[in-house]
Amino acid sequence: MSAPPETPPAPADVAPATINIRNLSIKCGSCDTYQTLCGFDRRGEWNVYTYECENDVCEPAATRTLLEVPAALDEFANRDPGWKGGSRHGGGA
């Protein structure tokens, strides 16, 4: 996997925006249905969310979507810094 692009620096007089993945919809390019969050991982300065189709049409390995969000801007994960993605999806306790 290649490194995500660098985030350009924000102007000094503008507060950085945040990203909340709860405000995003991830759609499969193969079957055109919405994908479900199924994994989370912290990778250095990035948070990586994994989405997959929950149907019998798509092969998860072929249609899996990775969403990389700069950790500093990730409102969803930063609401609880100890969050590991939940016990079901992220392997946390």
C-alpha atoms as a PDB file:
ATOM      1  CA  MET A   1       0.000   0.000   0.000  1.00  0.00           C
ATOM      2  CA  SER A   2       1.393   3.375  -0.929  1.00  0.00           C
ATOM      3  CA  ALA A   3       1.708   6.160   1.606  1.00  0.00           C
ATOM      4  CA  PRO A   4      -1.277   8.506   1.817  1.00  0.00           C
ATOM      5  CA  PRO A   5      -0.777  11.965   0.379  1.00  0.00           C
ATOM      6  CA  GLU A   6       0.517  14.612   2.740  1.00  0.00           C
ATOM      7  CA  THR A   7      -2.060  17.016   4.136  1.00  0.00           C
ATOM      8  CA  PRO A   8      -1.285  20.566   3.037  1.00  0.00           C
ATOM      9  CA  PRO A   9      -0.713  22.957   5.938  1.00  0.00           C
ATOM     10  CA  ALA A  10      -3.718  25.084   6.907  1.00  0.00           C
ATOM     11  CA  PRO A  11      -3.333  28.861   6.816  1.00  0.00           C
ATOM     12  CA  ALA A  12      -2.411  30.238  10.242  1.00  0.00           C
ATOM     13  CA  ASP A  13      -5.590  32.305  10.549  1.00  0.00           C
ATOM     14  CA  VAL A  14      -7.974  29.434   9.724  1.00  0.00           C
ATOM     15  CA  ALA A  15      -8.841  26.713  12.219  1.00  0.00           C
ATOM     16  CA  PRO A  16      -8.342  23.240  10.717  1.00  0.00           C
ATOM     17  CA  ALA A  17     -11.510  21.468   9.663  1.00  0.00           C
ATOM     18  CA  THR A  18     -12.395  18.093  11.104  1.00  0.00           C
ATOM     19  CA  ILE A  19     -13.563  14.951   9.369  1.00  0.00           C
ATOM     20  CA  ASN A  20     -16.297  12.778  10.842  1.00  0.00           C
ATOM     21  CA  ILE A  21     -16.716   9.461   9.054  1.00  0.00           C
ATOM     22  CA  ARG A  22     -20.290   9.258  10.365  1.00  0.00           C
ATOM     23  CA  ASN A  23     -21.094  11.990   7.829  1.00  0.00           C
ATOM     24  CA  LEU A  24     -19.765   9.920   4.905  1.00  0.00           C
ATOM     25  CA  SER A  25     -21.353   7.175   2.825  1.00  0.00           C
ATOM     26  CA  ILE A  26     -19.117   4.594   1.176  1.00  0.00           C
ATOM     27  CA  LYS A  27     -20.630   2.915  -1.885  1.00  0.00           C
ATOM     28  CA  CYS A  28     -19.314  -0.153  -3.704  1.00  0.00           C
ATOM     29  CA  GLY A  29     -18.213   0.483  -7.277  1.00  0.00           C
ATOM     30  CA  SER A  30     -19.137  -3.077  -8.227  1.00  0.00           C
ATOM     31  CA  CYS A  31     -22.630  -3.704  -6.828  1.00  0.00           C
ATOM     32  CA  ASP A  32     -23.639  -0.058  -6.098  1.00  0.00           C
ATOM     33  CA  THR A  33     -24.732  -0.798  -2.513  1.00  0.00           C
ATOM     34  CA  TYR A  34     -23.472   0.967   0.575  1.00  0.00           C
ATOM     35  CA  GLN A  35     -20.577  -0.639   2.395  1.00  0.00           C
ATOM     36  CA  THR A  36     -20.374  -1.237   6.138  1.00  0.00           C
ATOM     37  CA  LEU A  37     -17.553  -0.250   8.482  1.00  0.00           C
ATOM     38  CA  CYS A  38     -15.831  -3.492   9.445  1.00  0.00           C
ATOM     39  CA  GLY A  39     -12.385  -2.470  10.666  1.00  0.00           C
ATOM     40  CA  PHE A  40     -10.291   0.290  12.181  1.00  0.00           C
ATOM     41  CA  ASP A  41      -6.546   0.707  12.618  1.00  0.00           C
ATOM     42  CA  ARG A  42      -4.273   3.512  13.787  1.00  0.00           C
ATOM     43  CA  ARG A  43      -1.238   3.827  11.503  1.00  0.00           C
ATOM     44  CA  GLY A  44       1.060   6.559  12.712  1.00  0.00           C
ATOM     45  CA  GLU A  45      -0.516   9.908  11.931  1.00  0.00           C
ATOM     46  CA  TRP A  46      -3.400   8.279  10.033  1.00  0.00           C
ATOM     47  CA  ASN A  47      -6.544   6.410  11.050  1.00  0.00           C
ATOM     48  CA  VAL A  48      -7.618   3.758   8.569  1.00  0.00           C
ATOM     49  CA  TYR A  49     -11.242   2.618   8.329  1.00  0.00           C
ATOM     50  CA  THR A  50     -12.078  -0.544   6.365  1.00  0.00           C
ATOM     51  CA  TYR A  51     -15.439  -0.953   4.654  1.00  0.00           C
ATOM     52  CA  GLU A  52     -16.907  -4.060   2.978  1.00  0.00           C
ATOM     53  CA  CYS A  53     -20.109  -5.097   1.246  1.00  0.00           C
ATOM     54  CA  GLU A  54     -22.428  -7.239   3.331  1.00  0.00           C
ATOM     55  CA  ASN A  55     -24.042  -9.203   0.543  1.00  0.00           C
ATOM     56  CA  ASP A  56     -23.529 -12.417  -1.388  1.00  0.00           C
ATOM     57  CA  VAL A  57     -22.667 -10.543  -4.592  1.00  0.00           C
ATOM     58  CA  CYS A  58     -19.221  -9.072  -3.909  1.00  0.00           C
ATOM     59  CA  GLU A  59     -16.022 -10.787  -2.871  1.00  0.00           C
ATOM     60  CA  PRO A  60     -14.815  -8.703   0.121  1.00  0.00           C
ATOM     61  CA  ALA A  61     -11.145  -8.942  -0.868  1.00  0.00           C
ATOM     62  CA  ALA A  62     -11.944  -7.509  -4.309  1.00  0.00           C
ATOM     63  CA  THR A  63     -14.273  -4.687  -3.255  1.00  0.00           C
ATOM     64  CA  ARG A  64     -12.897  -3.696   0.185  1.00  0.00           C
ATOM     65  CA  THR A  65     -12.510   0.060   0.657  1.00  0.00           C
ATOM     66  CA  LEU A  66      -9.869   1.687   2.871  1.00  0.00           C
ATOM     67  CA  LEU A  67     -10.564   5.222   4.043  1.00  0.00           C
ATOM     68  CA  GLU A  68      -7.493   7.014   5.423  1.00  0.00           C
ATOM     69  CA  VAL A  69      -8.118  10.055   7.632  1.00  0.00           C
ATOM     70  CA  PRO A  70      -5.425  12.259   9.207  1.00  0.00           C
ATOM     71  CA  ALA A  71      -5.587  11.378  12.924  1.00  0.00           C
ATOM     72  CA  ALA A  72      -5.408  15.009  13.981  1.00  0.00           C
ATOM     73  CA  LEU A  73      -8.570  15.813  11.988  1.00  0.00           C
ATOM     74  CA  ASP A  74     -10.504  12.625  12.800  1.00  0.00           C
ATOM     75  CA  GLU A  75     -13.434  13.771  14.932  1.00  0.00           C
ATOM     76  CA  PHE A  76     -14.951  10.268  15.115  1.00  0.00           C
ATOM     77  CA  ALA A  77     -11.862   8.530  16.564  1.00  0.00           C
ATOM     78  CA  ASN A  78     -10.724  11.526  18.618  1.00  0.00           C
ATOM     79  CA  ARG A  79     -13.944  11.566  20.672  1.00  0.00           C
ATOM     80  CA  ASP A  80     -12.339   8.716  22.623  1.00  0.00           C
ATOM     81  CA  PRO A  81      -8.533   8.507  22.167  1.00  0.00           C
ATOM     82  CA  GLY A  82      -8.455   5.000  23.681  1.00  0.00           C
ATOM     83  CA  TRP A  83     -11.023   3.686  21.194  1.00  0.00           C
ATOM     84  CA  LYS A  84      -9.771   0.711  19.215  1.00  0.00           C
ATOM     85  CA  GLY A  85     -12.707   0.362  16.848  1.00  0.00           C
ATOM     86  CA  GLY A  86     -14.968  -1.542  19.207  1.00  0.00           C
ATOM     87  CA  SER A  87     -14.819  -5.192  20.125  1.00  0.00           C
ATOM     88  CA  ARG A  88     -16.715  -6.395  17.066  1.00  0.00           C
ATOM     89  CA  HIS A  89     -14.733  -4.613  14.356  1.00  0.00           C
ATOM     90  CA  GLY A  90     -11.520  -3.273  15.798  1.00  0.00           C
ATOM     91  CA  GLY A  91     -10.528  -6.025  18.183  1.00  0.00           C
ATOM     92  CA  GLY A  92     -10.768  -3.717  21.197  1.00  0.00           C
ATOM     93  CA  ALA A  93     -12.110  -4.702  24.568  1.00  0.00           C
END
